[in-house]
Protein backbone atom coordinates (compact mmCIF):
# COMPACT_ATOMS: atom_id res chain seq x y z
CA MET A 1 108.34 103.40 70.34
CA ASP A 2 107.80 101.29 67.23
CA LEU A 3 104.53 102.51 65.74
CA ASN A 4 104.76 99.95 62.92
CA ALA A 5 104.38 97.17 65.48
CA LEU A 6 101.01 98.48 66.65
CA GLN A 7 97.67 97.57 65.15
CA THR A 8 96.57 101.20 65.51
CA PHE A 9 97.75 104.44 67.11
CA ARG A 10 96.30 107.89 67.64
CA VAL A 11 97.28 111.18 66.00
CA VAL A 12 95.95 114.22 67.86
CA ALA A 13 96.02 118.01 67.71
CA CYS A 14 94.71 120.56 70.20
CA ASP A 15 91.51 122.51 69.52
CA LEU A 16 90.67 125.93 70.95
CA ASN A 17 89.09 124.39 74.06
CA GLY A 18 92.14 122.22 74.68
CA GLN A 19 90.43 119.01 73.59
CA MET A 20 92.25 116.37 71.56
CA ARG A 21 90.99 116.11 67.98
CA GLY A 22 92.40 113.60 65.52
CA LYS A 23 92.25 110.08 64.15
CA VAL A 24 92.98 106.46 64.90
CA VAL A 25 95.26 105.20 62.15
CA PRO A 26 96.83 101.80 61.38
CA GLY A 27 100.41 101.08 62.34
CA SER A 28 101.35 101.14 58.67
CA TYR A 29 100.85 104.94 58.75
CA ALA A 30 103.96 105.38 60.89
CA ASP A 31 106.24 106.13 57.95
CA LYS A 32 103.73 108.55 56.39
CA LEU A 33 103.36 110.97 59.29
CA ALA A 34 106.19 113.28 58.27
CA THR A 35 104.82 113.62 54.73
CA GLY A 36 101.50 115.24 55.66
CA ALA A 37 99.56 112.21 54.48
CA VAL A 38 97.22 112.42 57.47
CA ARG A 39 94.69 115.14 56.75
CA MET A 40 91.67 116.62 58.48
CA PRO A 41 89.51 119.71 58.00
CA LEU A 42 91.00 122.95 59.29
CA SER A 43 87.64 123.64 60.93
CA VAL A 44 88.11 120.71 63.33
CA LEU A 45 90.28 122.84 65.62
CA ASN A 46 87.50 125.44 65.69
CA VAL A 47 84.52 123.46 66.98
CA ASP A 48 82.53 124.15 70.12
CA LEU A 49 82.73 122.33 73.44
CA TRP A 50 80.50 119.52 72.17
CA GLY A 51 82.41 119.16 68.88
CA ALA A 52 79.84 120.91 66.69
CA ASP A 53 80.83 123.10 63.75
CA ILE A 54 80.74 126.84 64.37
CA GLU A 55 77.81 128.49 62.64
CA ASN A 56 78.95 130.78 59.80
CA SER A 57 82.58 129.92 60.45
CA PRO A 58 84.87 131.34 57.75
CA LEU A 59 86.79 128.06 57.91
CA VAL A 60 83.71 126.29 56.55
CA PHE A 61 81.90 128.80 54.39
CA ASP A 62 84.77 130.86 52.98
CA THR A 63 87.04 127.92 52.08
CA GLY A 64 84.60 125.09 51.41
CA ASP A 65 85.76 123.40 54.63
CA ALA A 66 89.23 122.76 53.27
CA ASP A 67 91.52 120.06 54.61
CA GLY A 68 94.83 120.70 56.26
CA MET A 69 97.83 118.45 56.83
CA LEU A 70 98.85 117.05 60.20
CA PHE A 71 102.56 116.93 61.01
CA PRO A 72 104.20 115.48 64.14
CA THR A 73 105.48 117.86 66.79
CA GLU A 74 108.91 117.47 68.36
CA ARG A 75 107.29 115.21 70.96
CA ALA A 76 108.07 111.52 70.50
CA PRO A 77 105.23 108.99 70.23
CA MET A 78 104.11 107.91 73.69
CA PRO A 79 102.00 105.19 75.30
CA VAL A 80 98.38 105.81 76.27
CA PRO A 81 98.15 104.65 79.91
CA TRP A 82 94.39 105.14 80.21
CA LEU A 83 93.68 102.55 77.48
CA THR A 84 93.64 98.83 78.21
CA GLY A 85 95.07 97.71 74.87
CA PRO A 86 98.42 98.60 73.29
CA SER A 87 98.39 101.89 71.44
CA ALA A 88 100.34 105.12 71.13
CA LEU A 89 99.66 108.84 70.99
CA VAL A 90 101.41 111.12 68.51
CA PRO A 91 100.93 114.88 69.11
CA MET A 92 100.46 116.76 65.84
CA THR A 93 99.98 120.30 64.57
CA LEU A 94 97.80 121.41 61.69
CA HIS A 95 99.15 123.08 58.54
CA THR A 96 97.54 124.45 55.42
CA ASP A 97 98.09 122.80 52.04
CA ASP A 98 101.02 125.08 51.27
CA GLY A 99 102.75 123.85 54.43
CA ALA A 100 102.20 127.02 56.47
CA PRO A 101 101.23 126.70 60.16
CA PHE A 102 97.46 126.94 60.51
CA ALA A 103 96.91 130.23 62.32
CA ALA A 104 94.06 128.99 64.54
CA ASP A 105 96.08 126.03 65.88
CA PRO A 106 96.77 126.87 69.57
CA ARG A 107 100.23 125.27 69.56
CA HIS A 108 101.24 127.40 66.59
CA ALA A 109 99.97 130.45 68.50
CA LEU A 110 102.45 129.77 71.28
CA ALA A 111 105.27 129.10 68.81
CA ARG A 112 104.49 132.47 67.22
CA VAL A 113 104.91 134.23 70.56
CA LEU A 114 108.10 132.34 71.40
CA ALA A 115 109.62 133.36 68.07
CA LYS A 116 109.86 136.91 69.44
CA TYR A 117 111.95 135.65 72.35
CA ASP A 118 114.08 133.60 69.96
CA ALA A 119 114.74 136.72 67.89
CA ARG A 120 116.38 138.29 70.96
CA GLY A 121 118.43 135.19 71.69
CA TRP A 122 116.21 134.43 74.69
CA GLN A 123 114.66 131.19 75.88
CA VAL A 124 111.59 131.06 78.12
CA VAL A 125 111.72 128.48 80.91
CA ALA A 126 108.31 127.69 82.38
CA ALA A 127 106.60 125.40 84.85
CA THR A 128 102.99 124.84 85.85
CA GLU A 129 101.11 124.03 89.04
CA MET A 130 97.92 122.17 88.15
CA GLU A 131 94.91 121.64 90.41
CA PHE A 132 92.17 119.08 89.77
CA THR A 133 89.33 117.53 91.72
CA LEU A 134 88.38 113.87 92.00
CA VAL A 135 84.61 113.41 92.05
CA ASP A 136 81.75 110.94 91.89
CA ASP A 137 79.63 111.89 88.87
CA SER A 138 77.22 108.95 88.99
CA ASP A 139 74.20 111.05 90.05
CA GLN A 140 72.56 114.27 88.91
CA GLN A 141 75.03 116.40 90.85
CA VAL A 142 78.79 116.23 91.31
CA GLN A 143 79.58 114.55 94.63
CA ALA A 144 82.70 113.94 96.68
CA PRO A 145 84.61 110.77 95.76
CA VAL A 146 84.63 107.73 97.99
CA ASN A 147 87.64 107.31 100.24
CA PRO A 148 89.16 104.03 99.00
CA ARG A 149 90.18 103.09 102.53
CA ASN A 150 86.81 103.28 104.30
CA GLY A 151 84.28 103.27 101.47
CA ARG A 152 82.69 106.55 102.61
CA PRO A 153 82.56 109.82 100.65
CA LEU A 154 85.06 112.48 101.65
CA ASP A 155 83.38 114.94 104.00
CA SER A 156 85.89 117.79 104.26
CA SER A 157 88.98 119.40 102.82
CA SER A 158 92.35 118.07 103.95
CA ILE A 159 95.03 120.63 103.15
CA LEU A 160 98.43 118.96 102.82
CA SER A 161 97.03 115.80 104.42
CA MET A 162 99.28 112.78 104.04
CA ALA A 163 96.40 110.55 105.20
CA GLN A 164 94.39 111.68 102.18
CA MET A 165 97.36 111.19 99.86
CA ASP A 166 97.80 107.69 101.28
CA ALA A 167 94.12 106.89 100.76
CA PHE A 168 94.44 107.68 97.04
CA ALA A 169 97.95 106.23 96.70
CA PRO A 170 96.98 103.59 94.06
CA PHE A 171 95.67 106.36 91.80
CA PHE A 172 98.76 108.52 92.31
CA ASP A 173 101.08 105.54 91.81
CA ASP A 174 99.48 104.97 88.40
CA LEU A 175 99.53 108.71 87.69
CA TYR A 176 103.27 109.01 88.29
CA ALA A 177 103.97 105.84 86.32
CA GLY A 178 101.84 107.08 83.44
CA ALA A 179 103.47 110.51 83.50
CA ALA A 180 106.92 108.94 83.37
CA ALA A 181 105.92 106.74 80.44
CA MET A 182 104.59 109.78 78.56
CA GLY A 183 107.62 111.94 79.34
CA ILE A 184 105.62 114.30 81.57
CA PRO A 185 107.90 115.63 84.35
CA ALA A 186 105.45 115.47 87.27
CA GLU A 187 107.05 116.44 90.57
CA THR A 188 105.29 117.14 93.88
CA ALA A 189 101.69 116.18 94.61
CA ILE A 190 99.64 117.52 97.52
CA SER A 191 96.07 117.46 98.76
CA GLU A 192 94.61 120.93 98.38
CA ALA A 193 91.94 123.09 100.04
CA GLY A 194 88.91 121.61 98.25
CA VAL A 195 87.13 118.34 98.92
CA GLY A 196 88.93 115.73 96.82
CA GLN A 197 91.18 118.43 95.37
CA PHE A 198 94.85 117.83 94.56
CA GLU A 199 97.71 119.73 92.99
CA VAL A 200 100.62 118.40 90.95
CA THR A 201 103.57 120.55 89.97
CA MET A 202 105.67 120.12 86.85
CA ARG A 203 109.44 120.48 86.57
CA HIS A 204 110.46 123.62 84.70
CA GLY A 205 111.60 123.42 81.09
CA PRO A 206 111.25 125.14 77.69
CA ALA A 207 107.89 126.89 77.46
CA LEU A 208 106.54 124.90 74.51
CA GLN A 209 107.34 121.65 76.32
CA ALA A 210 105.66 123.00 79.45
CA ALA A 211 102.46 123.60 77.48
CA ASP A 212 102.68 120.13 75.91
CA ASN A 213 103.11 118.60 79.36
CA ALA A 214 100.10 120.42 80.79
CA TRP A 215 97.89 119.44 77.84
CA LEU A 216 98.87 115.77 77.99
CA PHE A 217 98.67 115.67 81.79
CA LYS A 218 95.02 116.71 81.78
CA SER A 219 94.08 113.76 79.56
CA LEU A 220 96.19 111.40 81.67
CA VAL A 221 94.51 112.47 84.92
CA ARG A 222 91.01 112.16 83.49
CA GLY A 223 91.69 108.79 81.88
CA LEU A 224 93.32 107.19 84.93
CA ALA A 225 90.61 108.46 87.27
CA ARG A 226 88.07 106.44 85.30
CA GLN A 227 90.21 103.35 85.70
CA HIS A 228 89.98 103.90 89.45
CA GLY A 229 86.20 104.27 89.50
CA MET A 230 86.12 108.08 89.74
CA ALA A 231 86.02 111.11 87.50
CA ALA A 232 88.64 113.85 87.53
CA THR A 233 87.84 117.39 86.54
CA PHE A 234 89.80 120.58 85.92
CA MET A 235 86.60 122.65 86.06
CA ALA A 236 87.35 126.02 87.60
CA LYS A 237 84.57 125.55 90.18
CA PRO A 238 83.28 121.98 90.61
CA TYR A 239 81.31 122.90 93.75
CA ALA A 240 79.63 126.26 94.36
CA ASN A 241 80.79 126.51 97.97
CA ASP A 242 84.24 124.96 97.78
CA SER A 243 87.66 125.88 96.46
CA GLY A 244 88.10 126.14 92.70
CA ASN A 245 90.82 124.69 90.50
CA GLY A 246 93.56 127.01 89.32
CA MET A 247 96.66 126.70 87.17
CA HIS A 248 99.65 128.84 88.06
CA VAL A 249 102.47 129.47 85.61
CA HIS A 250 106.03 130.27 86.64
CA PHE A 251 108.45 131.59 84.05
CA SER A 252 111.88 133.10 83.70
CA VAL A 253 113.87 134.10 80.62
CA LEU A 254 117.45 133.07 79.83
CA ASP A 255 119.76 134.95 77.49
CA ALA A 256 122.11 133.31 74.98
CA ASP A 257 124.70 132.75 77.74
CA GLY A 258 122.18 131.08 80.04
CA ASN A 259 121.81 134.08 82.35
CA ASN A 260 118.42 134.88 83.86
CA VAL A 261 117.43 138.29 82.45
CA PHE A 262 115.18 138.86 85.50
CA ASP A 263 118.10 138.53 87.96
CA ASN A 264 120.17 141.53 89.08
CA GLY A 265 121.46 139.92 92.26
CA CYS A 266 118.87 141.77 94.36
CA ASP A 267 115.37 140.92 95.52
CA ASP A 268 113.69 143.50 93.29
CA GLY A 269 114.90 142.02 89.98
CA THR A 270 115.83 143.77 86.77
CA ASP A 271 114.14 146.45 84.70
CA VAL A 272 113.28 143.68 82.22
CA LEU A 273 111.38 141.84 84.94
CA ARG A 274 109.36 144.96 85.75
CA ASN A 275 108.72 145.60 82.04
CA ALA A 276 107.40 142.04 81.70
CA VAL A 277 105.22 142.44 84.80
CA ALA A 278 103.80 145.68 83.40
CA GLY A 279 102.91 143.99 80.13
CA CYS A 280 101.16 141.15 81.94
CA LEU A 281 99.15 143.65 84.00
CA ALA A 282 98.22 145.76 80.98
CA ALA A 283 96.93 142.76 79.02
CA MET A 284 95.22 140.99 81.91
CA PRO A 285 91.65 142.40 81.67
CA ALA A 286 91.37 141.66 77.94
CA SER A 287 92.97 138.23 78.47
CA SER A 288 90.12 137.18 80.76
CA LEU A 289 88.69 134.90 78.09
CA ILE A 290 91.95 132.94 77.99
CA PHE A 291 92.26 132.71 81.78
CA ALA A 292 88.54 132.00 82.25
CA PRO A 293 87.27 130.44 79.00
CA HIS A 294 83.99 128.90 80.25
CA GLY A 295 80.86 130.02 82.04
CA ASN A 296 81.86 128.03 85.12
CA SER A 297 85.20 129.88 85.19
CA TYR A 298 83.53 133.03 86.49
CA ASP A 299 82.16 131.24 89.56
CA ARG A 300 85.79 130.93 90.70
CA LEU A 301 86.68 134.60 90.27
CA VAL A 302 85.39 135.83 93.64
CA ASP A 303 87.29 138.28 95.86
CA GLY A 304 89.04 136.64 98.77
CA ALA A 305 88.69 133.10 97.42
CA HIS A 306 92.37 132.57 96.48
CA ALA A 307 91.65 133.43 92.83
CA PRO A 308 93.04 136.84 91.81
CA THR A 309 90.39 139.09 90.29
CA ALA A 310 92.38 142.27 89.68
CA ALA A 311 95.51 143.25 87.78
CA ALA A 312 97.95 143.69 90.65
CA TRP A 313 101.44 142.47 91.46
CA GLY A 314 103.77 142.15 94.43
CA TYR A 315 106.75 140.42 95.96
CA GLU A 316 105.95 137.24 97.91
CA ASN A 317 102.25 138.11 97.96
CA ARG A 318 99.68 135.41 97.21
CA THR A 319 96.73 137.79 97.06
CA VAL A 320 97.95 139.35 93.79
CA ALA A 321 97.65 138.11 90.21
CA ILE A 322 101.37 138.49 89.47
CA ARG A 323 103.67 137.31 92.25
CA ILE A 324 107.45 137.54 92.34
CA PRO A 325 108.49 134.61 94.53
CA GLY A 326 111.41 134.89 96.92
CA GLY A 327 114.37 132.56 97.14
CA PRO A 328 117.75 132.68 95.40
CA THR A 329 117.98 135.57 92.97
CA ALA A 330 119.40 133.30 90.25
CA ALA A 331 115.94 131.72 90.11
CA ARG A 332 114.09 135.07 89.95
CA ARG A 333 110.85 134.47 88.08
CA ILE A 334 107.29 135.64 87.53
CA GLU A 335 104.35 133.62 88.84
CA HIS A 336 101.13 134.28 86.94
CA ARG A 337 98.28 133.19 89.25
CA THR A 338 95.10 134.14 87.41
CA ALA A 339 94.10 131.16 85.26
CA GLY A 340 91.63 128.45 86.14
CA GLY A 341 92.37 124.76 85.68
CA ASP A 342 89.98 124.71 82.71
CA ILE A 343 92.26 126.63 80.34
CA ASN A 344 93.93 125.65 77.10
CA PRO A 345 97.62 125.53 78.13
CA TYR A 346 98.88 126.75 74.75
CA LEU A 347 96.60 129.78 74.72
CA LEU A 348 97.37 130.52 78.37
CA LEU A 349 101.12 130.60 77.82
CA SER A 350 100.62 132.57 74.60
CA ALA A 351 98.66 135.25 76.46
CA VAL A 352 101.07 135.43 79.42
CA LEU A 353 104.32 135.36 77.45
CA GLY A 354 102.94 137.52 74.67
CA ALA A 355 101.92 140.17 77.20
CA ALA A 356 105.31 140.00 78.92
CA MET A 357 107.07 140.56 75.60
CA ILE A 358 104.86 143.56 74.82
CA GLY A 359 105.90 145.01 78.17
CA VAL A 360 109.55 144.54 77.24
CA GLU A 361 109.13 145.90 73.70
CA ASP A 362 107.27 149.00 74.92
CA GLN A 363 109.38 149.38 78.07
CA MET A 364 106.21 149.52 80.14
CA GLN A 365 106.43 150.38 83.84
CA PRO A 366 104.22 148.58 86.35
CA SER A 367 102.12 150.08 89.10
CA VAL A 368 103.40 150.11 92.68
CA PRO A 369 103.69 146.54 94.01
CA ILE A 370 101.01 145.59 96.53
CA ALA A 371 102.40 144.81 99.96
CA GLY A 372 99.19 143.86 101.76
CA ASN A 373 95.84 142.29 100.89
CA ALA A 374 95.12 142.98 97.23
CA TYR A 375 91.46 142.05 97.71
CA ALA A 376 91.10 145.12 99.93
CA GLN A 377 92.12 147.42 97.06
CA ASP A 378 89.13 148.86 95.22
CA ASP A 379 90.93 150.89 92.55
CA LEU A 380 92.66 148.14 90.56
CA PRO A 381 91.84 147.15 86.95
CA SER A 382 89.70 144.03 87.13
CA LEU A 383 89.20 140.96 85.03
CA ALA A 384 85.98 140.64 83.06
CA GLY A 385 83.03 140.01 85.32
CA ASP A 386 81.25 137.51 83.09
CA TRP A 387 81.74 135.27 80.07
CA THR A 388 80.05 137.55 77.52
CA SER A 389 82.03 140.61 78.58
CA ALA A 390 85.23 138.59 78.34
CA VAL A 391 84.50 137.64 74.73
CA ASP A 392 83.80 141.26 73.79
CA ALA A 393 86.98 142.51 75.45
CA PHE A 394 89.18 139.84 73.87
CA GLU A 395 87.79 140.58 70.41
CA ALA A 396 88.36 144.34 70.52
CA ASP A 397 91.61 144.74 72.46
CA PRO A 398 94.71 146.02 70.61
CA LEU A 399 97.10 144.07 72.85
CA MET A 400 95.33 140.81 72.03
CA ALA A 401 95.75 141.70 68.35
CA ARG A 402 99.51 141.93 68.92
CA ILE A 403 99.62 138.50 70.57
CA PHE A 404 97.17 136.39 68.56
CA ASP A 405 96.55 136.00 64.84
CA PRO A 406 93.31 137.65 63.66
CA LEU A 407 91.95 134.29 62.51
CA LEU A 408 92.42 132.75 65.96
CA ILE A 409 90.73 135.74 67.63
CA ASP A 410 87.79 135.47 65.25
CA CYS A 411 87.46 131.70 65.69
CA MET A 412 87.74 131.92 69.47
CA CYS A 413 85.03 134.55 69.75
CA ARG A 414 82.67 132.71 67.41
CA THR A 415 83.23 129.50 69.39
CA LYS A 416 82.51 131.10 72.73
CA ARG A 417 79.43 132.96 71.52
CA GLN A 418 78.02 129.70 70.15
CA GLU A 419 78.69 128.00 73.49
CA ILE A 420 77.05 130.83 75.42
CA ALA A 421 73.95 130.48 73.24
CA LYS A 422 73.80 126.71 73.67
CA PHE A 423 74.23 126.81 77.44
CA ALA A 424 71.27 129.22 77.55
CA THR A 425 69.10 126.33 76.31
CA ILE A 426 70.35 123.84 78.93
CA PRO A 427 69.00 123.83 82.51
CA GLU A 428 71.63 125.43 84.72
CA HIS A 429 71.79 122.50 87.12
CA LEU A 430 72.99 120.31 84.23
CA HIS A 431 75.74 122.61 82.94
CA TRP A 432 78.40 120.71 84.87
CA GLN A 433 77.86 117.63 82.70
CA ALA A 434 79.18 119.50 79.65
CA TRP A 435 82.27 120.81 81.42
CA LEU A 436 83.22 117.95 83.75
CA GLU A 437 85.68 116.06 81.53
CA ARG A 438 85.92 118.33 78.50
CA VAL A 439 87.83 121.20 80.08
């Protein structure tokens, strides 16, 4: 894509909430991107949900709100299908003035975790399953979208309904075309259990690319929905009495020869697989803030509602948080089922893969796999029960300190505490307006 031929294009980095922060720059900037000529304050990646500075942030008050340098990621410039005019999007990461990766940049956090796999000669292969809900947000409450075929609002869920997929075919045609143009490997799409809820799966690939794809896909879905007269949301719980949006992550690990280190030719998998499972289970309660980063996230975490609430695992069991899917042993993998759709993909994969590596490093052993209904078990470690408790646990946990840089932990906790305080001043029935298209 020839950026010089464009009047303007967009350079963007990912903040702690997963929102795009950056600048519109003239086409003449194309040749300057690799030099660090595009700058912005380091504090921009540590703002709250509304984009406000964090009170008493060390990034502002300890450094005088210093600038950092933006550098392009490995991702090529791409079109912006949700805009009407010609433009391009260039994903960037933030660095300090000495060229070092900025420690509170979520993409750098994932790269930091993956470096431990690289040191062993391993590559993580990951894929995501992403749920979202199409809605009508034109009134004071979120409502079901209008069926384009009959002009009436949807009145029920339609699990795996081809009629519902056909009704929204123009939107999905544009979604697949936009994903292809942006290099996002979207695969299957289905109608899900919620009213106006859909799921799109991504083809597996290197973990950093998988996080990039998930981040870009969320913006694509939201932008194209507006073009079709709707809103799209990845809120964990758009409706109080309907299914919530989740995001499942599948991952396996290949050695230097391309062999799956989880595969021993049998259904149970290798010791390394069980070590990784044990690490994920051990870190899960303190990772609640990553899996459920917003107040609305905790409305989804209800027993029996297809959202795992306890640190349990099992083979071919969809009631547990960590599932080992069946199928050919060469494809043996871990499915992490805890996160809501409202997560930051880079932080999610950092928490999951970082915990798995701790399990391998410490040769942790998991609990007994659950064979039945995990929701019926009352003696399992649970996720945090509310937003405030999740912040406290994330801040103090020694496993989180092994996964994330201290600066990112500090910034994340300050951000969430500021958001908790602000939401306390907003009438509860209006909270959805802040989350709808920001998460």
